[in-house]
Amino acid sequence: MQKAHRQLGHASFEAITRLFPPDTFTAADVAHLKAVTDTCIPCQQHAHLPRRPHHALPNPPHAFNHILTMDVCQILPALSKGLDSTDLHTDFGQGRFFLSMRGEIIFSTL
């Protein structure tokens, strides 16, 4: 199934099943083909993005009740500085290395 998916130009599950007569694939083949097309990395990389997000903010005014903390650290003077930001409500954290800690660079990246 994976080879057929690749040789048909990374065709979608629907396109492959339409290409062949209905009695060509067993139920196990159909499930395997669906798994192959859903997990194909090139297909995921070149897939079209949705036109609008599935989840959106409610109409204004927006109320945010999260506290964000930011910390700058540098292990050695020869290494670049790191900015760590953490949401204390969800405990989600993310770090990024910067060559310069100038304000306009930090805020343009955020």
PDB file of N, CA and C in Angstrom:
ATOM      1  N   MET A   1       0.823  -1.192   0.000  1.00  0.00           N
ATOM      2  CA  MET A   1       0.000   0.000   0.000  1.00  0.00           C
ATOM      3  C   MET A   1       0.867   1.256   0.000  1.00  0.00           C
ATOM      4  N   GLN A   2       1.946   1.217   0.782  1.00  0.00           N
ATOM      5  CA  GLN A   2       2.818   2.375   0.856  1.00  0.00           C
ATOM      6  C   GLN A   2       3.484   2.633  -0.494  1.00  0.00           C
ATOM      7  N   LYS A   3       3.891   1.553  -1.164  1.00  0.00           N
ATOM      8  CA  LYS A   3       4.530   1.693  -2.468  1.00  0.00           C
ATOM      9  C   LYS A   3       3.530   2.237  -3.499  1.00  0.00           C
ATOM     10  N   ALA A   4       2.301   1.740  -3.464  1.00  0.00           N
ATOM     11  CA  ALA A   4       1.276   2.240  -4.385  1.00  0.00           C
ATOM     12  C   ALA A   4       0.993   3.716  -4.130  1.00  0.00           C
ATOM     13  N   HIS A   5       0.953   4.106  -2.869  1.00  0.00           N
ATOM     14  CA  HIS A   5       0.711   5.512  -2.522  1.00  0.00           C
ATOM     15  C   HIS A   5       1.817   6.395  -3.096  1.00  0.00           C
ATOM     16  N   ARG A   6       3.068   5.958  -2.955  1.00  0.00           N
ATOM     17  CA  ARG A   6       4.190   6.752  -3.470  1.00  0.00           C
ATOM     18  C   ARG A   6       4.199   6.762  -4.996  1.00  0.00           C
ATOM     19  N   GLN A   7       3.976   5.601  -5.626  1.00  0.00           N
ATOM     20  CA  GLN A   7       4.059   5.526  -7.085  1.00  0.00           C
ATOM     21  C   GLN A   7       2.923   6.271  -7.774  1.00  0.00           C
ATOM     22  N   LEU A   8       1.826   6.463  -7.092  1.00  0.00           N
ATOM     23  CA  LEU A   8       0.722   7.240  -7.653  1.00  0.00           C
ATOM     24  C   LEU A   8       0.843   8.724  -7.326  1.00  0.00           C
ATOM     25  N   GLY A   9       2.057   9.166  -6.997  1.00  0.00           N
ATOM     26  CA  GLY A   9       2.299  10.590  -6.754  1.00  0.00           C
ATOM     27  C   GLY A   9       1.746  11.075  -5.438  1.00  0.00           C
ATOM     28  N   HIS A  10       1.807  10.227  -4.402  1.00  0.00           N
ATOM     29  CA  HIS A  10       1.285  10.549  -3.069  1.00  0.00           C
ATOM     30  C   HIS A  10      -0.194  10.907  -3.140  1.00  0.00           C
ATOM     31  N   ALA A  11      -0.919  10.046  -3.847  1.00  0.00           N
ATOM     32  CA  ALA A  11      -2.361  10.263  -4.004  1.00  0.00           C
ATOM     33  C   ALA A  11      -3.074  10.100  -2.663  1.00  0.00           C
ATOM     34  N   SER A  12      -4.171  10.786  -2.510  1.00  0.00           N
ATOM     35  CA  SER A  12      -4.945  10.716  -1.265  1.00  0.00           C
ATOM     36  C   SER A  12      -5.678   9.381  -1.179  1.00  0.00           C
ATOM     37  N   PHE A  13      -6.187   9.103   0.008  1.00  0.00           N
ATOM     38  CA  PHE A  13      -6.947   7.874   0.235  1.00  0.00           C
ATOM     39  C   PHE A  13      -8.157   7.811  -0.686  1.00  0.00           C
ATOM     40  N   GLU A  14      -8.873   8.909  -0.817  1.00  0.00           N
ATOM     41  CA  GLU A  14     -10.067   8.950  -1.652  1.00  0.00           C
ATOM     42  C   GLU A  14      -9.727   8.736  -3.126  1.00  0.00           C
ATOM     43  N   ALA A  15      -8.615   9.332  -3.588  1.00  0.00           N
ATOM     44  CA  ALA A  15      -8.227   9.193  -4.991  1.00  0.00           C
ATOM     45  C   ALA A  15      -7.833   7.754  -5.320  1.00  0.00           C
ATOM     46  N   ILE A  16      -7.130   7.090  -4.410  1.00  0.00           N
ATOM     47  CA  ILE A  16      -6.724   5.710  -4.662  1.00  0.00           C
ATOM     48  C   ILE A  16      -7.935   4.785  -4.667  1.00  0.00           C
ATOM     49  N   THR A  17      -8.848   4.979  -3.726  1.00  0.00           N
ATOM     50  CA  THR A  17     -10.015   4.093  -3.689  1.00  0.00           C
ATOM     51  C   THR A  17     -10.959   4.337  -4.870  1.00  0.00           C
ATOM     52  N   ARG A  18     -11.001   5.551  -5.405  1.00  0.00           N
ATOM     53  CA  ARG A  18     -11.817   5.823  -6.593  1.00  0.00           C
ATOM     54  C   ARG A  18     -11.185   5.259  -7.858  1.00  0.00           C
ATOM     55  N   LEU A  19      -9.857   5.139  -7.859  1.00  0.00           N
ATOM     56  CA  LEU A  19      -9.125   4.688  -9.033  1.00  0.00           C
ATOM     57  C   LEU A  19      -9.399   3.223  -9.350  1.00  0.00           C
ATOM     58  N   PHE A  20      -9.633   2.410  -8.325  1.00  0.00           N
ATOM     59  CA  PHE A  20      -9.833   0.979  -8.492  1.00  0.00           C
ATOM     60  C   PHE A  20     -11.303   0.611  -8.300  1.00  0.00           C
ATOM     61  N   PRO A  21     -11.717  -0.539  -8.828  1.00  0.00           N
ATOM     62  CA  PRO A  21     -13.097  -1.001  -8.596  1.00  0.00           C
ATOM     63  C   PRO A  21     -13.363  -1.210  -7.107  1.00  0.00           C
ATOM     64  N   PRO A  22     -14.610  -1.121  -6.676  1.00  0.00           N
ATOM     65  CA  PRO A  22     -14.926  -1.195  -5.241  1.00  0.00           C
ATOM     66  C   PRO A  22     -14.519  -2.501  -4.566  1.00  0.00           C
ATOM     67  N   ASP A  23     -14.503  -3.613  -5.289  1.00  0.00           N
ATOM     68  CA  ASP A  23     -14.175  -4.889  -4.652  1.00  0.00           C
ATOM     69  C   ASP A  23     -12.688  -5.219  -4.691  1.00  0.00           C
ATOM     70  N   THR A  24     -11.829  -4.265  -5.034  1.00  0.00           N
ATOM     71  CA  THR A  24     -10.397  -4.517  -5.127  1.00  0.00           C
ATOM     72  C   THR A  24      -9.760  -4.688  -3.756  1.00  0.00           C
ATOM     73  N   PHE A  25     -10.124  -3.863  -2.794  1.00  0.00           N
ATOM     74  CA  PHE A  25      -9.474  -3.855  -1.481  1.00  0.00           C
ATOM     75  C   PHE A  25     -10.358  -4.507  -0.433  1.00  0.00           C
ATOM     76  N   THR A  26      -9.715  -5.223   0.485  1.00  0.00           N
ATOM     77  CA  THR A  26     -10.430  -5.772   1.636  1.00  0.00           C
ATOM     78  C   THR A  26     -10.553  -4.679   2.690  1.00  0.00           C
ATOM     79  N   ALA A  27     -11.291  -4.964   3.749  1.00  0.00           N
ATOM     80  CA  ALA A  27     -11.438  -3.980   4.826  1.00  0.00           C
ATOM     81  C   ALA A  27     -10.094  -3.710   5.494  1.00  0.00           C
ATOM     82  N   ALA A  28      -9.260  -4.734   5.620  1.00  0.00           N
ATOM     83  CA  ALA A  28      -7.928  -4.548   6.213  1.00  0.00           C
ATOM     84  C   ALA A  28      -7.053  -3.692   5.305  1.00  0.00           C
ATOM     85  N   ASP A  29      -7.165  -3.897   3.981  1.00  0.00           N
ATOM     86  CA  ASP A  29      -6.400  -3.075   3.037  1.00  0.00           C
ATOM     87  C   ASP A  29      -6.818  -1.615   3.113  1.00  0.00           C
ATOM     88  N   VAL A  30      -8.105  -1.383   3.215  1.00  0.00           N
ATOM     89  CA  VAL A  30      -8.619  -0.010   3.297  1.00  0.00           C
ATOM     90  C   VAL A  30      -8.119   0.665   4.569  1.00  0.00           C
ATOM     91  N   ALA A  31      -8.141  -0.047   5.695  1.00  0.00           N
ATOM     92  CA  ALA A  31      -7.654   0.525   6.957  1.00  0.00           C
ATOM     93  C   ALA A  31      -6.157   0.809   6.877  1.00  0.00           C
ATOM     94  N   HIS A  32      -5.404  -0.123   6.262  1.00  0.00           N
ATOM     95  CA  HIS A  32      -3.954   0.081   6.130  1.00  0.00           C
ATOM     96  C   HIS A  32      -3.658   1.254   5.194  1.00  0.00           C
ATOM     97  N   LEU A  33      -4.392   1.365   4.097  1.00  0.00           N
ATOM     98  CA  LEU A  33      -4.199   2.467   3.165  1.00  0.00           C
ATOM     99  C   LEU A  33      -4.516   3.808   3.817  1.00  0.00           C
ATOM    100  N   LYS A  34      -5.568   3.843   4.626  1.00  0.00           N
ATOM    101  CA  LYS A  34      -5.913   5.071   5.348  1.00  0.00           C
ATOM    102  C   LYS A  34      -4.797   5.456   6.304  1.00  0.00           C
ATOM    103  N   ALA A  35      -4.210   4.471   7.004  1.00  0.00           N
ATOM    104  CA  ALA A  35      -3.102   4.742   7.921  1.00  0.00           C
ATOM    105  C   ALA A  35      -1.871   5.225   7.166  1.00  0.00           C
ATOM    106  N   VAL A  36      -1.606   4.640   6.003  1.00  0.00           N
ATOM    107  CA  VAL A  36      -0.441   5.047   5.207  1.00  0.00           C
ATOM    108  C   VAL A  36      -0.597   6.485   4.735  1.00  0.00           C
ATOM    109  N   THR A  37      -1.766   6.846   4.214  1.00  0.00           N
ATOM    110  CA  THR A  37      -1.950   8.206   3.699  1.00  0.00           C
ATOM    111  C   THR A  37      -2.012   9.240   4.828  1.00  0.00           C
ATOM    112  N   ASP A  38      -2.477   8.840   6.005  1.00  0.00           N
ATOM    113  CA  ASP A  38      -2.545   9.792   7.126  1.00  0.00           C
ATOM    114  C   ASP A  38      -1.183  10.054   7.748  1.00  0.00           C
ATOM    115  N   THR A  39      -0.252   9.103   7.657  1.00  0.00           N
ATOM    116  CA  THR A  39       1.050   9.249   8.307  1.00  0.00           C
ATOM    117  C   THR A  39       2.177   9.530   7.326  1.00  0.00           C
ATOM    118  N   CYS A  40       1.869   9.785   6.072  1.00  0.00           N
ATOM    119  CA  CYS A  40       2.897  10.064   5.064  1.00  0.00           C
ATOM    120  C   CYS A  40       3.494  11.455   5.325  1.00  0.00           C
ATOM    121  N   ILE A  41       4.789  11.501   5.587  1.00  0.00           N
ATOM    122  CA  ILE A  41       5.441  12.771   5.941  1.00  0.00           C
ATOM    123  C   ILE A  41       5.425  13.763   4.777  1.00  0.00           C
ATOM    124  N   PRO A  42       5.788  13.377   3.535  1.00  0.00           N
ATOM    125  CA  PRO A  42       5.701  14.364   2.441  1.00  0.00           C
ATOM    126  C   PRO A  42       4.291  14.908   2.238  1.00  0.00           C
ATOM    127  N   CYS A  43       3.267  14.062   2.412  1.00  0.00           N
ATOM    128  CA  CYS A  43       1.887  14.546   2.262  1.00  0.00           C
ATOM    129  C   CYS A  43       1.535  15.549   3.356  1.00  0.00           C
ATOM    130  N   GLN A  44       2.010  15.308   4.582  1.00  0.00           N
ATOM    131  CA  GLN A  44       1.743  16.235   5.673  1.00  0.00           C
ATOM    132  C   GLN A  44       2.475  17.552   5.469  1.00  0.00           C
ATOM    133  N   GLN A  45       3.694  17.493   4.929  1.00  0.00           N
ATOM    134  CA  GLN A  45       4.472  18.715   4.722  1.00  0.00           C
ATOM    135  C   GLN A  45       3.871  19.601   3.636  1.00  0.00           C
ATOM    136  N   HIS A  46       3.258  18.992   2.622  1.00  0.00           N
ATOM    137  CA  HIS A  46       2.734  19.770   1.500  1.00  0.00           C
ATOM    138  C   HIS A  46       1.215  19.876   1.516  1.00  0.00           C
ATOM    139  N   ALA A  47       0.593  19.536   2.621  1.00  0.00           N
ATOM    140  CA  ALA A  47      -0.861  19.632   2.723  1.00  0.00           C
ATOM    141  C   ALA A  47      -1.288  21.095   2.788  1.00  0.00           C
ATOM    142  N   HIS A  48      -2.482  21.361   2.304  1.00  0.00           N
ATOM    143  CA  HIS A  48      -3.017  22.719   2.364  1.00  0.00           C
ATOM    144  C   HIS A  48      -3.441  23.034   3.792  1.00  0.00           C
ATOM    145  N   LEU A  49      -3.161  24.237   4.221  1.00  0.00           N
ATOM    146  CA  LEU A  49      -3.585  24.680   5.541  1.00  0.00           C
ATOM    147  C   LEU A  49      -5.072  25.044   5.502  1.00  0.00           C
ATOM    148  N   PRO A  50      -5.773  24.868   6.606  1.00  0.00           N
ATOM    149  CA  PRO A  50      -7.182  25.262   6.614  1.00  0.00           C
ATOM    150  C   PRO A  50      -7.321  26.769   6.428  1.00  0.00           C
ATOM    151  N   ARG A  51      -8.420  27.190   5.809  1.00  0.00           N
ATOM    152  CA  ARG A  51      -8.621  28.612   5.533  1.00  0.00           C
ATOM    153  C   ARG A  51      -8.831  29.427   6.802  1.00  0.00           C
ATOM    154  N   ARG A  52      -9.407  28.841   7.806  1.00  0.00           N
ATOM    155  CA  ARG A  52      -9.577  29.537   9.072  1.00  0.00           C
ATOM    156  C   ARG A  52      -9.357  28.538  10.202  1.00  0.00           C
ATOM    157  N   PRO A  53      -8.956  29.011  11.347  1.00  0.00           N
ATOM    158  CA  PRO A  53      -8.655  28.078  12.436  1.00  0.00           C
ATOM    159  C   PRO A  53      -9.909  27.376  12.951  1.00  0.00           C
ATOM    160  N   HIS A  54      -9.719  26.187  13.461  1.00  0.00           N
ATOM    161  CA  HIS A  54     -10.837  25.436  14.023  1.00  0.00           C
ATOM    162  C   HIS A  54     -11.308  26.063  15.333  1.00  0.00           C
ATOM    163  N   HIS A  55     -10.377  26.601  16.103  1.00  0.00           N
ATOM    164  CA  HIS A  55     -10.704  27.213  17.384  1.00  0.00           C
ATOM    165  C   HIS A  55     -10.302  28.679  17.317  1.00  0.00           C
ATOM    166  N   ALA A  56     -11.184  29.547  17.661  1.00  0.00           N
ATOM    167  CA  ALA A  56     -10.912  30.977  17.604  1.00  0.00           C
ATOM    168  C   ALA A  56     -11.315  31.622  18.925  1.00  0.00           C
ATOM    169  N   LEU A  57     -10.803  32.818  19.138  1.00  0.00           N
ATOM    170  CA  LEU A  57     -11.176  33.558  20.340  1.00  0.00           C
ATOM    171  C   LEU A  57     -12.625  34.021  20.239  1.00  0.00           C
ATOM    172  N   PRO A  58     -13.317  34.127  21.358  1.00  0.00           N
ATOM    173  CA  PRO A  58     -14.681  34.665  21.310  1.00  0.00           C
ATOM    174  C   PRO A  58     -14.650  36.144  20.940  1.00  0.00           C
ATOM    175  N   ASN A  59     -15.793  36.699  20.663  1.00  0.00           N
ATOM    176  CA  ASN A  59     -15.869  38.110  20.301  1.00  0.00           C
ATOM    177  C   ASN A  59     -15.354  38.985  21.440  1.00  0.00           C
ATOM    178  N   PRO A  60     -14.769  40.158  21.115  1.00  0.00           N
ATOM    179  CA  PRO A  60     -14.223  41.031  22.158  1.00  0.00           C
ATOM    180  C   PRO A  60     -15.298  41.446  23.137  1.00  0.00           C
ATOM    181  N   PRO A  61     -14.993  41.848  24.336  1.00  0.00           N
ATOM    182  CA  PRO A  61     -13.652  41.976  24.907  1.00  0.00           C
ATOM    183  C   PRO A  61     -13.106  40.620  25.353  1.00  0.00           C
ATOM    184  N   HIS A  62     -11.804  40.468  25.197  1.00  0.00           N
ATOM    185  CA  HIS A  62     -11.129  39.236  25.591  1.00  0.00           C
ATOM    186  C   HIS A  62     -10.606  39.392  27.006  1.00  0.00           C
ATOM    187  N   ALA A  63     -10.782  38.378  27.798  1.00  0.00           N
ATOM    188  CA  ALA A  63     -10.242  38.388  29.161  1.00  0.00           C
ATOM    189  C   ALA A  63      -9.183  37.304  29.269  1.00  0.00           C
ATOM    190  N   PHE A  64      -7.974  37.696  29.612  1.00  0.00           N
ATOM    191  CA  PHE A  64      -6.887  36.750  29.786  1.00  0.00           C
ATOM    192  C   PHE A  64      -6.494  36.734  31.252  1.00  0.00           C
ATOM    193  N   ASN A  65      -6.362  35.541  31.793  1.00  0.00           N
ATOM    194  CA  ASN A  65      -5.995  35.432  33.198  1.00  0.00           C
ATOM    195  C   ASN A  65      -4.754  34.560  33.373  1.00  0.00           C
ATOM    196  N   HIS A  66      -3.794  34.712  32.495  1.00  0.00           N
ATOM    197  CA  HIS A  66      -2.562  33.946  32.564  1.00  0.00           C
ATOM    198  C   HIS A  66      -1.414  34.860  32.956  1.00  0.00           C
ATOM    199  N   ILE A  67      -0.481  34.320  33.686  1.00  0.00           N
ATOM    200  CA  ILE A  67       0.724  35.059  34.060  1.00  0.00           C
ATOM    201  C   ILE A  67       1.882  34.458  33.283  1.00  0.00           C
ATOM    202  N   LEU A  68       2.579  35.293  32.527  1.00  0.00           N
ATOM    203  CA  LEU A  68       3.738  34.852  31.758  1.00  0.00           C
ATOM    204  C   LEU A  68       4.997  35.330  32.455  1.00  0.00           C
ATOM    205  N   THR A  69       5.947  34.429  32.620  1.00  0.00           N
ATOM    206  CA  THR A  69       7.240  34.803  33.186  1.00  0.00           C
ATOM    207  C   THR A  69       8.299  34.641  32.113  1.00  0.00           C
ATOM    208  N   MET A  70       9.276  35.535  32.126  1.00  0.00           N
ATOM    209  CA  MET A  70      10.375  35.468  31.168  1.00  0.00           C
ATOM    210  C   MET A  70      11.683  35.595  31.918  1.00  0.00           C
ATOM    211  N   ASP A  71      12.646  34.805  31.497  1.00  0.00           N
ATOM    212  CA  ASP A  71      13.940  34.785  32.147  1.00  0.00           C
ATOM    213  C   ASP A  71      15.014  34.691  31.079  1.00  0.00           C
ATOM    214  N   VAL A  72      16.075  35.481  31.238  1.00  0.00           N
ATOM    215  CA  VAL A  72      17.210  35.445  30.319  1.00  0.00           C
ATOM    216  C   VAL A  72      18.369  34.776  31.035  1.00  0.00           C
ATOM    217  N   CYS A  73      18.999  33.841  30.348  1.00  0.00           N
ATOM    218  CA  CYS A  73      20.150  33.176  30.961  1.00  0.00           C
ATOM    219  C   CYS A  73      21.237  32.977  29.917  1.00  0.00           C
ATOM    220  N   GLN A  74      22.466  32.887  30.424  1.00  0.00           N
ATOM    221  CA  GLN A  74      23.620  32.656  29.564  1.00  0.00           C
ATOM    222  C   GLN A  74      24.592  31.778  30.342  1.00  0.00           C
ATOM    223  N   ILE A  75      24.913  30.607  29.792  1.00  0.00           N
ATOM    224  CA  ILE A  75      25.767  29.655  30.510  1.00  0.00           C
ATOM    225  C   ILE A  75      27.226  30.089  30.465  1.00  0.00           C
ATOM    226  N   LEU A  76      27.722  30.417  29.298  1.00  0.00           N
ATOM    227  CA  LEU A  76      29.098  30.881  29.122  1.00  0.00           C
ATOM    228  C   LEU A  76      29.081  32.169  28.307  1.00  0.00           C
ATOM    229  N   PRO A  77      30.069  33.043  28.510  1.00  0.00           N
ATOM    230  CA  PRO A  77      30.090  34.286  27.735  1.00  0.00           C
ATOM    231  C   PRO A  77      30.214  34.054  26.225  1.00  0.00           C
ATOM    232  N   ALA A  78      30.813  32.948  25.819  1.00  0.00           N
ATOM    233  CA  ALA A  78      30.981  32.680  24.391  1.00  0.00           C
ATOM    234  C   ALA A  78      29.689  32.183  23.740  1.00  0.00           C
ATOM    235  N   LEU A  79      28.740  31.726  24.523  1.00  0.00           N
ATOM    236  CA  LEU A  79      27.487  31.200  23.989  1.00  0.00           C
ATOM    237  C   LEU A  79      26.431  32.291  23.903  1.00  0.00           C
ATOM    238  N   SER A  80      25.451  32.061  23.054  1.00  0.00           N
ATOM    239  CA  SER A  80      24.374  33.045  22.929  1.00  0.00           C
ATOM    240  C   SER A  80      23.448  32.969  24.138  1.00  0.00           C
ATOM    241  N   LYS A  81      22.724  34.066  24.372  1.00  0.00           N
ATOM    242  CA  LYS A  81      21.814  34.147  25.507  1.00  0.00           C
ATOM    243  C   LYS A  81      20.509  33.430  25.177  1.00  0.00           C
ATOM    244  N   GLY A  82      19.887  32.896  26.200  1.00  0.00           N
ATOM    245  CA  GLY A  82      18.624  32.186  26.013  1.00  0.00           C
ATOM    246  C   GLY A  82      17.496  32.894  26.728  1.00  0.00           C
ATOM    247  N   LEU A  83      16.347  32.957  26.094  1.00  0.00           N
ATOM    248  CA  LEU A  83      15.149  33.542  26.683  1.00  0.00           C
ATOM    249  C   LEU A  83      14.170  32.413  26.950  1.00  0.00           C
ATOM    250  N   ASP A  84      13.767  32.261  28.188  1.00  0.00           N
ATOM    251  CA  ASP A  84      12.807  31.232  28.566  1.00  0.00           C
ATOM    252  C   ASP A  84      11.522  31.916  28.971  1.00  0.00           C
ATOM    253  N   SER A  85      10.410  31.521  28.364  1.00  0.00           N
ATOM    254  CA  SER A  85       9.107  32.070  28.735  1.00  0.00           C
ATOM    255  C   SER A  85       8.209  30.927  29.176  1.00  0.00           C
ATOM    256  N   THR A  86       7.473  31.136  30.273  1.00  0.00           N
ATOM    257  CA  THR A  86       6.623  30.102  30.848  1.00  0.00           C
ATOM    258  C   THR A  86       5.267  30.694  31.196  1.00  0.00           C
ATOM    259  N   ASP A  87       4.202  29.970  30.852  1.00  0.00           N
ATOM    260  CA  ASP A  87       2.851  30.330  31.252  1.00  0.00           C
ATOM    261  C   ASP A  87       2.590  29.625  32.580  1.00  0.00           C
ATOM    262  N   LEU A  88       2.410  30.377  33.650  1.00  0.00           N
ATOM    263  CA  LEU A  88       2.252  29.779  34.971  1.00  0.00           C
ATOM    264  C   LEU A  88       0.907  29.083  35.134  1.00  0.00           C
ATOM    265  N   HIS A  89      -0.082  29.416  34.303  1.00  0.00           N
ATOM    266  CA  HIS A  89      -1.397  28.778  34.411  1.00  0.00           C
ATOM    267  C   HIS A  89      -1.378  27.357  33.851  1.00  0.00           C
ATOM    268  N   THR A  90      -0.763  27.182  32.681  1.00  0.00           N
ATOM    269  CA  THR A  90      -0.734  25.863  32.035  1.00  0.00           C
ATOM    270  C   THR A  90       0.597  25.159  32.195  1.00  0.00           C
ATOM    271  N   ASP A  91       1.611  25.846  32.737  1.00  0.00           N
ATOM    272  CA  ASP A  91       2.961  25.302  32.899  1.00  0.00           C
ATOM    273  C   ASP A  91       3.585  24.977  31.547  1.00  0.00           C
ATOM    274  N   PHE A  92       3.206  25.698  30.507  1.00  0.00           N
ATOM    275  CA  PHE A  92       3.794  25.544  29.184  1.00  0.00           C
ATOM    276  C   PHE A  92       5.004  26.465  29.098  1.00  0.00           C
ATOM    277  N   GLY A  93       6.130  25.919  28.718  1.00  0.00           N
ATOM    278  CA  GLY A  93       7.339  26.718  28.606  1.00  0.00           C
ATOM    279  C   GLY A  93       7.986  26.550  27.252  1.00  0.00           C
ATOM    280  N   GLN A  94       8.700  27.594  26.834  1.00  0.00           N
ATOM    281  CA  GLN A  94       9.396  27.546  25.569  1.00  0.00           C
ATOM    282  C   GLN A  94      10.647  28.405  25.685  1.00  0.00           C
ATOM    283  N   GLY A  95      11.722  27.939  25.100  1.00  0.00           N
ATOM    284  CA  GLY A  95      12.974  28.679  25.137  1.00  0.00           C
ATOM    285  C   GLY A  95      13.469  28.988  23.743  1.00  0.00           C
ATOM    286  N   ARG A  96      14.285  30.026  23.647  1.00  0.00           N
ATOM    287  CA  ARG A  96      14.845  30.429  22.359  1.00  0.00           C
ATOM    288  C   ARG A  96      16.177  31.098  22.593  1.00  0.00           C
ATOM    289  N   PHE A  97      17.149  30.814  21.727  1.00  0.00           N
ATOM    290  CA  PHE A  97      18.458  31.449  21.816  1.00  0.00           C
ATOM    291  C   PHE A  97      18.494  32.684  20.925  1.00  0.00           C
ATOM    292  N   PHE A  98      19.143  33.748  21.428  1.00  0.00           N
ATOM    293  CA  PHE A  98      19.281  34.995  20.692  1.00  0.00           C
ATOM    294  C   PHE A  98      20.739  35.418  20.700  1.00  0.00           C
ATOM    295  N   LEU A  99      21.163  36.033  19.620  1.00  0.00           N
ATOM    296  CA  LEU A  99      22.513  36.576  19.579  1.00  0.00           C
ATOM    297  C   LEU A  99      22.584  37.906  20.316  1.00  0.00           C
ATOM    298  N   SER A 100      21.473  38.625  20.335  1.00  0.00           N
ATOM    299  CA  SER A 100      21.416  39.925  20.988  1.00  0.00           C
ATOM    300  C   SER A 100      20.122  40.017  21.787  1.00  0.00           C
ATOM    301  N   MET A 101      20.171  40.663  22.939  1.00  0.00           N
ATOM    302  CA  MET A 101      18.982  40.812  23.780  1.00  0.00           C
ATOM    303  C   MET A 101      18.380  42.208  23.637  1.00  0.00           C
ATOM    304  N   ARG A 102      18.463  42.793  22.446  1.00  0.00           N
ATOM    305  CA  ARG A 102      17.858  44.093  22.217  1.00  0.00           C
ATOM    306  C   ARG A 102      16.343  43.945  22.186  1.00  0.00           C
ATOM    307  N   GLY A 103      15.655  44.919  22.702  1.00  0.00           N
ATOM    308  CA  GLY A 103      14.211  44.857  22.856  1.00  0.00           C
ATOM    309  C   GLY A 103      13.460  44.624  21.568  1.00  0.00           C
ATOM    310  N   GLU A 104      13.862  45.316  20.467  1.00  0.00           N
ATOM    311  CA  GLU A 104      13.132  45.167  19.222  1.00  0.00           C
ATOM    312  C   GLU A 104      13.285  43.765  18.644  1.00  0.00           C
ATOM    313  N   ILE A 105      14.420  43.119  18.873  1.00  0.00           N
ATOM    314  CA  ILE A 105      14.619  41.742  18.391  1.00  0.00           C
ATOM    315  C   ILE A 105      13.737  40.781  19.179  1.00  0.00           C
ATOM    316  N   ILE A 106      13.702  40.970  20.503  1.00  0.00           N
ATOM    317  CA  ILE A 106      12.900  40.070  21.353  1.00  0.00           C
ATOM    318  C   ILE A 106      11.414  40.209  21.020  1.00  0.00           C
ATOM    319  N   PHE A 107      10.895  41.438  20.933  1.00  0.00           N
ATOM    320  CA  PHE A 107       9.464  41.631  20.702  1.00  0.00           C
ATOM    321  C   PHE A 107       9.055  41.269  19.277  1.00  0.00           C
ATOM    322  N   SER A 108       9.949  41.407  18.295  1.00  0.00           N
ATOM    323  CA  SER A 108       9.601  40.996  16.944  1.00  0.00           C
ATOM    324  C   SER A 108       9.549  39.473  16.838  1.00  0.00           C
ATOM    325  N   THR A 109      10.319  38.778  17.672  1.00  0.00           N
ATOM    326  CA  THR A 109      10.302  37.310  17.660  1.00  0.00           C
ATOM    327  C   THR A 109       9.080  36.781  18.393  1.00  0.00           C
ATOM    328  N   LEU A 110       8.686  37.444  19.485  1.00  0.00           N
ATOM    329  CA  LEU A 110       7.528  36.993  20.234  1.00  0.00           C
ATOM    330  C   LEU A 110       6.283  37.228  19.441  1.00  0.00           C
TER     331      LEU A 110
END
